[in-house]
All heavy atoms as atom14 arrays in JSON, in Angstrom:
{
  "sequence": "KKYVKSGVHTEITNLVIPEYNDSSDNIKELVKFLSKLS",
  "atom14_mask": [
    [1, 1, 1, 1, 1, 1, 1, 1, 1, 0, 0, 0, 0, 0],
    [1, 1, 1, 1, 1, 1, 1, 1, 1, 0, 0, 0, 0, 0],
    [1, 1, 1, 1, 1, 1, 1, 1, 1, 1, 1, 1, 0, 0],
    [1, 1, 1, 1, 1, 1, 1, 0, 0, 0, 0, 0, 0, 0],
    [1, 1, 1, 1, 1, 1, 1, 1, 1, 0, 0, 0, 0, 0],
    [1, 1, 1, 1, 1, 1, 0, 0, 0, 0, 0, 0, 0, 0],
    [1, 1, 1, 1, 0, 0, 0, 0, 0, 0, 0, 0, 0, 0],
    [1, 1, 1, 1, 1, 1, 1, 0, 0, 0, 0, 0, 0, 0],
    [1, 1, 1, 1, 1, 1, 1, 1, 1, 1, 0, 0, 0, 0],
    [1, 1, 1, 1, 1, 1, 1, 0, 0, 0, 0, 0, 0, 0],
    [1, 1, 1, 1, 1, 1, 1, 1, 1, 0, 0, 0, 0, 0],
    [1, 1, 1, 1, 1, 1, 1, 1, 0, 0, 0, 0, 0, 0],
    [1, 1, 1, 1, 1, 1, 1, 0, 0, 0, 0, 0, 0, 0],
    [1, 1, 1, 1, 1, 1, 1, 1, 0, 0, 0, 0, 0, 0],
    [1, 1, 1, 1, 1, 1, 1, 1, 0, 0, 0, 0, 0, 0],
    [1, 1, 1, 1, 1, 1, 1, 0, 0, 0, 0, 0, 0, 0],
    [1, 1, 1, 1, 1, 1, 1, 1, 0, 0, 0, 0, 0, 0],
    [1, 1, 1, 1, 1, 1, 1, 0, 0, 0, 0, 0, 0, 0],
    [1, 1, 1, 1, 1, 1, 1, 1, 1, 0, 0, 0, 0, 0],
    [1, 1, 1, 1, 1, 1, 1, 1, 1, 1, 1, 1, 0, 0],
    [1, 1, 1, 1, 1, 1, 1, 1, 0, 0, 0, 0, 0, 0],
    [1, 1, 1, 1, 1, 1, 1, 1, 0, 0, 0, 0, 0, 0],
    [1, 1, 1, 1, 1, 1, 0, 0, 0, 0, 0, 0, 0, 0],
    [1, 1, 1, 1, 1, 1, 0, 0, 0, 0, 0, 0, 0, 0],
    [1, 1, 1, 1, 1, 1, 1, 1, 0, 0, 0, 0, 0, 0],
    [1, 1, 1, 1, 1, 1, 1, 1, 0, 0, 0, 0, 0, 0],
    [1, 1, 1, 1, 1, 1, 1, 1, 0, 0, 0, 0, 0, 0],
    [1, 1, 1, 1, 1, 1, 1, 1, 1, 0, 0, 0, 0, 0],
    [1, 1, 1, 1, 1, 1, 1, 1, 1, 0, 0, 0, 0, 0],
    [1, 1, 1, 1, 1, 1, 1, 1, 0, 0, 0, 0, 0, 0],
    [1, 1, 1, 1, 1, 1, 1, 0, 0, 0, 0, 0, 0, 0],
    [1, 1, 1, 1, 1, 1, 1, 1, 1, 0, 0, 0, 0, 0],
    [1, 1, 1, 1, 1, 1, 1, 1, 1, 1, 1, 0, 0, 0],
    [1, 1, 1, 1, 1, 1, 1, 1, 0, 0, 0, 0, 0, 0],
    [1, 1, 1, 1, 1, 1, 0, 0, 0, 0, 0, 0, 0, 0],
    [1, 1, 1, 1, 1, 1, 1, 1, 1, 0, 0, 0, 0, 0],
    [1, 1, 1, 1, 1, 1, 1, 1, 0, 0, 0, 0, 0, 0],
    [1, 1, 1, 1, 1, 1, 0, 0, 0, 0, 0, 0, 0, 0]
  ],
  "atom14_positions": [
    [[5.17, -8.31, -1.62], [6.26, -7.36, -1.23], [7.3, -7.31, -2.1], [7.85, -6.19, -2.49], [6.8, -7.69, 0.26], [5.75, -7.43, 1.29], [6.33, -7.96, 2.64], [5.37, -7.93, 3.72], [5.96, -8.55, 5.04], [0.0, 0.0, 0.0], [0.0, 0.0, 0.0], [0.0, 0.0, 0.0], [0.0, 0.0, 0.0], [0.0, 0.0, 0.0]],
    [[7.81, -8.46, -2.55], [9.0, -8.56, -3.46], [8.78, -7.9, -4.8], [9.56, -7.18, -5.4], [9.47, -10.03, -3.7], [10.1, -10.63, -2.48], [10.42, -12.1, -2.77], [10.95, -12.64, -1.45], [11.27, -14.12, -1.61], [0.0, 0.0, 0.0], [0.0, 0.0, 0.0], [0.0, 0.0, 0.0], [0.0, 0.0, 0.0], [0.0, 0.0, 0.0]],
    [[7.5, -8.09, -5.29], [7.2, -7.48, -6.63], [7.2, -6.01, -6.53], [7.72, -5.29, -7.46], [5.83, -7.98, -7.12], [5.86, -9.38, -7.87], [4.69, -10.16, -7.7], [6.99, -9.87, -8.4], [4.69, -11.42, -8.4], [7.03, -11.18, -8.96], [5.99, -11.92, -8.95], [5.9, -13.14, -9.54], [0.0, 0.0, 0.0], [0.0, 0.0, 0.0]],
    [[6.54, -5.46, -5.52], [6.37, -4.09, -5.41], [7.74, -3.45, -5.1], [8.09, -2.43, -5.81], [5.36, -3.7, -4.28], [5.43, -2.22, -3.92], [3.96, -4.16, -4.6], [0.0, 0.0, 0.0], [0.0, 0.0, 0.0], [0.0, 0.0, 0.0], [0.0, 0.0, 0.0], [0.0, 0.0, 0.0], [0.0, 0.0, 0.0], [0.0, 0.0, 0.0]],
    [[8.51, -4.03, -4.3], [9.89, -3.55, -4.13], [10.81, -3.42, -5.22], [11.58, -2.59, -5.46], [10.56, -4.37, -2.92], [11.91, -3.8, -2.44], [12.44, -4.63, -1.34], [13.91, -4.04, -0.93], [14.33, -4.7, 0.23], [0.0, 0.0, 0.0], [0.0, 0.0, 0.0], [0.0, 0.0, 0.0], [0.0, 0.0, 0.0], [0.0, 0.0, 0.0]],
    [[10.58, -4.42, -6.15], [11.37, -4.53, -7.36], [10.87, -3.68, -8.47], [11.41, -3.64, -9.57], [11.61, -5.99, -7.8], [10.43, -6.59, -8.13], [0.0, 0.0, 0.0], [0.0, 0.0, 0.0], [0.0, 0.0, 0.0], [0.0, 0.0, 0.0], [0.0, 0.0, 0.0], [0.0, 0.0, 0.0], [0.0, 0.0, 0.0], [0.0, 0.0, 0.0]],
    [[9.71, -3.02, -8.27], [9.17, -2.18, -9.34], [8.23, -2.77, -10.31], [7.85, -2.18, -11.19], [0.0, 0.0, 0.0], [0.0, 0.0, 0.0], [0.0, 0.0, 0.0], [0.0, 0.0, 0.0], [0.0, 0.0, 0.0], [0.0, 0.0, 0.0], [0.0, 0.0, 0.0], [0.0, 0.0, 0.0], [0.0, 0.0, 0.0], [0.0, 0.0, 0.0]],
    [[7.86, -3.99, -9.98], [6.95, -4.74, -10.91], [5.51, -4.12, -10.71], [5.01, -4.07, -9.52], [6.92, -6.19, -10.58], [5.85, -6.93, -11.43], [8.38, -6.86, -10.91], [0.0, 0.0, 0.0], [0.0, 0.0, 0.0], [0.0, 0.0, 0.0], [0.0, 0.0, 0.0], [0.0, 0.0, 0.0], [0.0, 0.0, 0.0], [0.0, 0.0, 0.0]],
    [[4.81, -3.74, -11.83], [3.5, -3.35, -11.72], [2.67, -4.48, -11.05], [2.64, -5.55, -11.62], [2.92, -2.94, -13.03], [1.5, -2.54, -13.12], [1.05, -1.35, -12.55], [0.32, -3.27, -13.37], [-0.27, -1.32, -12.57], [-0.67, -2.47, -13.04], [0.0, 0.0, 0.0], [0.0, 0.0, 0.0], [0.0, 0.0, 0.0], [0.0, 0.0, 0.0]],
    [[1.98, -4.1, -10.09], [1.18, -5.05, -9.18], [-0.2, -4.62, -9.01], [-0.48, -3.5, -8.68], [1.92, -5.27, -7.77], [3.25, -5.74, -8.05], [1.16, -6.42, -7.02], [0.0, 0.0, 0.0], [0.0, 0.0, 0.0], [0.0, 0.0, 0.0], [0.0, 0.0, 0.0], [0.0, 0.0, 0.0], [0.0, 0.0, 0.0], [0.0, 0.0, 0.0]],
    [[-1.15, -5.58, -9.22], [-2.61, -5.32, -9.07], [-3.11, -6.5, -8.23], [-2.59, -7.64, -8.39], [-3.41, -5.14, -10.28], [-2.94, -4.01, -11.22], [-3.95, -3.73, -12.31], [-5.15, -4.08, -12.22], [-3.43, -3.04, -13.26], [0.0, 0.0, 0.0], [0.0, 0.0, 0.0], [0.0, 0.0, 0.0], [0.0, 0.0, 0.0], [0.0, 0.0, 0.0]],
    [[-3.96, -6.16, -7.31], [-4.51, -7.2, -6.45], [-5.97, -7.45, -6.68], [-6.82, -6.46, -6.78], [-4.31, -6.93, -4.94], [-2.78, -6.68, -4.63], [-4.96, -7.95, -4.05], [-1.92, -7.83, -4.88], [0.0, 0.0, 0.0], [0.0, 0.0, 0.0], [0.0, 0.0, 0.0], [0.0, 0.0, 0.0], [0.0, 0.0, 0.0], [0.0, 0.0, 0.0]],
    [[-6.38, -8.7, -6.87], [-7.76, -8.98, -6.96], [-8.15, -9.83, -5.72], [-7.46, -10.91, -5.46], [-8.12, -9.88, -8.25], [-7.8, -9.13, -9.4], [-9.51, -10.25, -8.32], [0.0, 0.0, 0.0], [0.0, 0.0, 0.0], [0.0, 0.0, 0.0], [0.0, 0.0, 0.0], [0.0, 0.0, 0.0], [0.0, 0.0, 0.0], [0.0, 0.0, 0.0]],
    [[-9.13, -9.33, -4.95], [-9.63, -10.0, -3.75], [-10.96, -10.63, -4.03], [-11.93, -9.85, -4.09], [-9.58, -8.99, -2.68], [-9.92, -9.58, -1.31], [-9.6, -10.7, -1.02], [-10.72, -8.85, -0.47], [0.0, 0.0, 0.0], [0.0, 0.0, 0.0], [0.0, 0.0, 0.0], [0.0, 0.0, 0.0], [0.0, 0.0, 0.0], [0.0, 0.0, 0.0]],
    [[-11.02, -11.93, -4.09], [-12.26, -12.57, -4.35], [-12.97, -12.66, -2.97], [-12.43, -13.26, -2.09], [-12.03, -13.93, -4.83], [-13.31, -14.77, -5.17], [-14.33, -14.15, -6.04], [-13.01, -16.05, -5.5], [0.0, 0.0, 0.0], [0.0, 0.0, 0.0], [0.0, 0.0, 0.0], [0.0, 0.0, 0.0], [0.0, 0.0, 0.0], [0.0, 0.0, 0.0]],
    [[-14.05, -11.93, -2.83], [-14.88, -11.93, -1.6], [-15.89, -13.01, -1.68], [-16.72, -12.98, -2.59], [-15.44, -10.49, -1.37], [-16.29, -10.51, -0.07], [-14.5, -9.41, -1.35], [0.0, 0.0, 0.0], [0.0, 0.0, 0.0], [0.0, 0.0, 0.0], [0.0, 0.0, 0.0], [0.0, 0.0, 0.0], [0.0, 0.0, 0.0], [0.0, 0.0, 0.0]],
    [[-15.8, -13.93, -0.67], [-16.69, -15.09, -0.63], [-17.61, -14.84, 0.6], [-17.04, -14.91, 1.73], [-15.93, -16.37, -0.41], [-15.08, -16.62, -1.74], [-16.96, -17.55, -0.52], [-14.05, -17.78, -1.56], [0.0, 0.0, 0.0], [0.0, 0.0, 0.0], [0.0, 0.0, 0.0], [0.0, 0.0, 0.0], [0.0, 0.0, 0.0], [0.0, 0.0, 0.0]],
    [[-18.88, -14.6, 0.51], [-19.77, -14.33, 1.6], [-19.66, -15.49, 2.7], [-19.53, -16.66, 2.4], [-21.22, -14.38, 1.07], [-20.93, -13.93, -0.38], [-19.65, -14.56, -0.8], [0.0, 0.0, 0.0], [0.0, 0.0, 0.0], [0.0, 0.0, 0.0], [0.0, 0.0, 0.0], [0.0, 0.0, 0.0], [0.0, 0.0, 0.0], [0.0, 0.0, 0.0]],
    [[-19.47, -15.02, 3.93], [-19.38, -15.99, 5.08], [-18.05, -16.57, 5.21], [-17.8, -17.37, 6.15], [-20.57, -16.86, 5.15], [-21.9, -16.12, 5.31], [-23.11, -17.16, 5.39], [-22.87, -18.21, 6.0], [-24.24, -16.73, 5.0], [0.0, 0.0, 0.0], [0.0, 0.0, 0.0], [0.0, 0.0, 0.0], [0.0, 0.0, 0.0], [0.0, 0.0, 0.0]],
    [[-17.2, -16.36, 4.26], [-15.81, -16.94, 4.4], [-14.8, -15.77, 4.67], [-13.97, -15.98, 5.54], [-15.4, -17.68, 3.19], [-16.05, -19.06, 3.08], [-17.32, -19.21, 2.48], [-15.37, -20.18, 3.6], [-17.94, -20.46, 2.42], [-15.96, -21.48, 3.5], [-17.26, -21.62, 2.96], [-17.73, -22.87, 2.82], [0.0, 0.0, 0.0], [0.0, 0.0, 0.0]],
    [[-14.72, -14.8, 3.8], [-13.64, -13.78, 3.93], [-14.21, -12.43, 3.67], [-13.63, -11.5, 3.13], [-12.59, -14.07, 3.01], [-12.82, -13.9, 1.5], [-14.09, -13.92, 1.15], [-11.89, -13.73, 0.69], [0.0, 0.0, 0.0], [0.0, 0.0, 0.0], [0.0, 0.0, 0.0], [0.0, 0.0, 0.0], [0.0, 0.0, 0.0], [0.0, 0.0, 0.0]],
    [[-15.42, -12.16, 4.1], [-16.13, -10.88, 3.7], [-16.29, -9.98, 4.88], [-17.0, -8.95, 4.81], [-17.62, -11.2, 3.14], [-18.38, -11.86, 4.09], [-17.9, -12.47, 5.12], [-19.7, -11.93, 3.93], [0.0, 0.0, 0.0], [0.0, 0.0, 0.0], [0.0, 0.0, 0.0], [0.0, 0.0, 0.0], [0.0, 0.0, 0.0], [0.0, 0.0, 0.0]],
    [[-15.52, -10.12, 6.01], [-15.61, -9.27, 7.05], [-15.03, -7.95, 6.82], [-14.04, -7.9, 6.01], [-15.07, -9.84, 8.36], [-13.6, -9.8, 8.21], [0.0, 0.0, 0.0], [0.0, 0.0, 0.0], [0.0, 0.0, 0.0], [0.0, 0.0, 0.0], [0.0, 0.0, 0.0], [0.0, 0.0, 0.0], [0.0, 0.0, 0.0], [0.0, 0.0, 0.0]],
    [[-15.52, -6.85, 7.35], [-14.92, -5.53, 6.99], [-13.5, -5.42, 7.57], [-12.65, -4.89, 7.04], [-15.78, -4.41, 7.66], [-16.02, -4.56, 8.96], [0.0, 0.0, 0.0], [0.0, 0.0, 0.0], [0.0, 0.0, 0.0], [0.0, 0.0, 0.0], [0.0, 0.0, 0.0], [0.0, 0.0, 0.0], [0.0, 0.0, 0.0], [0.0, 0.0, 0.0]],
    [[-13.29, -6.22, 8.7], [-11.83, -6.24, 9.28], [-10.86, -6.77, 8.37], [-9.72, -6.46, 8.26], [-11.9, -6.99, 10.64], [-12.54, -6.27, 11.72], [-12.72, -4.93, 11.65], [-12.95, -6.86, 12.76], [0.0, 0.0, 0.0], [0.0, 0.0, 0.0], [0.0, 0.0, 0.0], [0.0, 0.0, 0.0], [0.0, 0.0, 0.0], [0.0, 0.0, 0.0]],
    [[-11.33, -7.89, 7.62], [-10.44, -8.54, 6.64], [-10.11, -7.6, 5.53], [-8.86, -7.58, 5.17], [-11.1, -9.87, 6.03], [-10.37, -11.09, 6.46], [-9.43, -11.11, 7.15], [-11.19, -12.2, 6.1], [0.0, 0.0, 0.0], [0.0, 0.0, 0.0], [0.0, 0.0, 0.0], [0.0, 0.0, 0.0], [0.0, 0.0, 0.0], [0.0, 0.0, 0.0]],
    [[-11.1, -6.9, 5.05], [-10.8, -5.93, 3.92], [-10.01, -4.84, 4.42], [-9.06, -4.39, 3.63], [-12.18, -5.53, 3.31], [-12.88, -6.71, 2.64], [-11.97, -4.45, 2.23], [-14.37, -6.6, 2.37], [0.0, 0.0, 0.0], [0.0, 0.0, 0.0], [0.0, 0.0, 0.0], [0.0, 0.0, 0.0], [0.0, 0.0, 0.0], [0.0, 0.0, 0.0]],
    [[-10.28, -4.28, 5.61], [-9.43, -3.15, 6.13], [-8.01, -3.64, 6.31], [-7.2, -2.73, 5.96], [-10.1, -2.69, 7.42], [-11.25, -1.95, 7.25], [-11.8, -1.47, 8.65], [-13.2, -0.92, 8.61], [-13.78, -0.56, 9.91], [0.0, 0.0, 0.0], [0.0, 0.0, 0.0], [0.0, 0.0, 0.0], [0.0, 0.0, 0.0], [0.0, 0.0, 0.0]],
    [[-7.71, -4.81, 6.77], [-6.4, -5.32, 6.97], [-5.65, -5.4, 5.59], [-4.55, -5.07, 5.54], [-6.45, -6.73, 7.62], [-5.15, -7.16, 8.04], [-5.17, -8.39, 8.86], [-6.2, -8.72, 9.54], [-4.12, -9.03, 9.06], [0.0, 0.0, 0.0], [0.0, 0.0, 0.0], [0.0, 0.0, 0.0], [0.0, 0.0, 0.0], [0.0, 0.0, 0.0]],
    [[-6.41, -5.89, 4.57], [-5.8, -5.95, 3.27], [-5.48, -4.53, 2.73], [-4.25, -4.32, 2.3], [-6.72, -6.57, 2.2], [-6.36, -6.64, 0.81], [-4.99, -7.32, 0.57], [-7.38, -7.27, -0.07], [0.0, 0.0, 0.0], [0.0, 0.0, 0.0], [0.0, 0.0, 0.0], [0.0, 0.0, 0.0], [0.0, 0.0, 0.0], [0.0, 0.0, 0.0]],
    [[-6.34, -3.6, 2.93], [-6.13, -2.19, 2.48], [-4.87, -1.63, 3.24], [-3.97, -0.95, 2.67], [-7.28, -1.36, 2.53], [-6.93, 0.1, 2.37], [-8.34, -1.84, 1.65], [0.0, 0.0, 0.0], [0.0, 0.0, 0.0], [0.0, 0.0, 0.0], [0.0, 0.0, 0.0], [0.0, 0.0, 0.0], [0.0, 0.0, 0.0], [0.0, 0.0, 0.0]],
    [[-4.76, -1.86, 4.47], [-3.72, -1.42, 5.39], [-2.34, -1.95, 4.9], [-1.42, -1.3, 4.68], [-3.95, -1.67, 6.77], [-3.03, -1.2, 7.67], [-3.39, -1.57, 9.15], [-2.23, -1.03, 10.14], [-2.69, -1.41, 11.48], [0.0, 0.0, 0.0], [0.0, 0.0, 0.0], [0.0, 0.0, 0.0], [0.0, 0.0, 0.0], [0.0, 0.0, 0.0]],
    [[-2.39, -3.31, 4.64], [-1.13, -3.94, 4.15], [-0.6, -3.39, 2.81], [0.54, -3.08, 2.66], [-1.43, -5.43, 3.98], [-0.32, -6.16, 3.34], [0.8, -6.45, 3.88], [-0.47, -6.55, 1.87], [1.88, -7.31, 3.15], [0.53, -7.17, 1.27], [1.69, -7.58, 1.84], [0.0, 0.0, 0.0], [0.0, 0.0, 0.0], [0.0, 0.0, 0.0]],
    [[-1.61, -3.29, 1.97], [-1.28, -2.67, 0.51], [-0.81, -1.26, 0.59], [0.2, -0.85, -0.09], [-2.34, -2.84, -0.45], [-2.78, -4.33, -0.78], [-4.08, -4.28, -1.67], [-1.67, -5.01, -1.47], [0.0, 0.0, 0.0], [0.0, 0.0, 0.0], [0.0, 0.0, 0.0], [0.0, 0.0, 0.0], [0.0, 0.0, 0.0], [0.0, 0.0, 0.0]],
    [[-1.46, -0.39, 1.39], [-1.13, 0.99, 1.47], [0.28, 1.17, 2.11], [0.89, 2.2, 1.84], [-2.19, 1.82, 2.29], [-2.21, 1.34, 3.61], [0.0, 0.0, 0.0], [0.0, 0.0, 0.0], [0.0, 0.0, 0.0], [0.0, 0.0, 0.0], [0.0, 0.0, 0.0], [0.0, 0.0, 0.0], [0.0, 0.0, 0.0], [0.0, 0.0, 0.0]],
    [[0.68, 0.3, 2.86], [2.11, 0.35, 3.53], [3.09, 0.08, 2.38], [4.22, 0.6, 2.46], [2.29, -0.54, 4.67], [1.57, -0.12, 5.87], [1.82, -1.04, 7.09], [1.13, -0.59, 8.33], [1.38, -1.57, 9.37], [0.0, 0.0, 0.0], [0.0, 0.0, 0.0], [0.0, 0.0, 0.0], [0.0, 0.0, 0.0], [0.0, 0.0, 0.0]],
    [[2.79, -0.68, 1.42], [3.72, -0.94, 0.37], [3.75, -0.01, -0.72], [4.82, 0.39, -1.2], [3.29, -2.33, -0.35], [3.18, -3.61, 0.5], [2.86, -4.75, -0.39], [4.74, -3.94, 1.03], [0.0, 0.0, 0.0], [0.0, 0.0, 0.0], [0.0, 0.0, 0.0], [0.0, 0.0, 0.0], [0.0, 0.0, 0.0], [0.0, 0.0, 0.0]],
    [[2.58, 0.62, -1.03], [2.54, 1.62, -2.19], [1.13, 2.11, -2.24], [0.21, 1.4, -2.05], [2.88, 0.93, -3.45], [2.74, 1.91, -4.54], [0.0, 0.0, 0.0], [0.0, 0.0, 0.0], [0.0, 0.0, 0.0], [0.0, 0.0, 0.0], [0.0, 0.0, 0.0], [0.0, 0.0, 0.0], [0.0, 0.0, 0.0], [0.0, 0.0, 0.0]]
  ]
}
């Protein structure tokens, strides 16, 4: 949030690990969070 607000170019890499963080809900929540920022 701080980087985006201050104008720093920000890219996100989401390492998807099967059976740990690969649920569609997790990915949707990440996309929703980022889309609210920029």
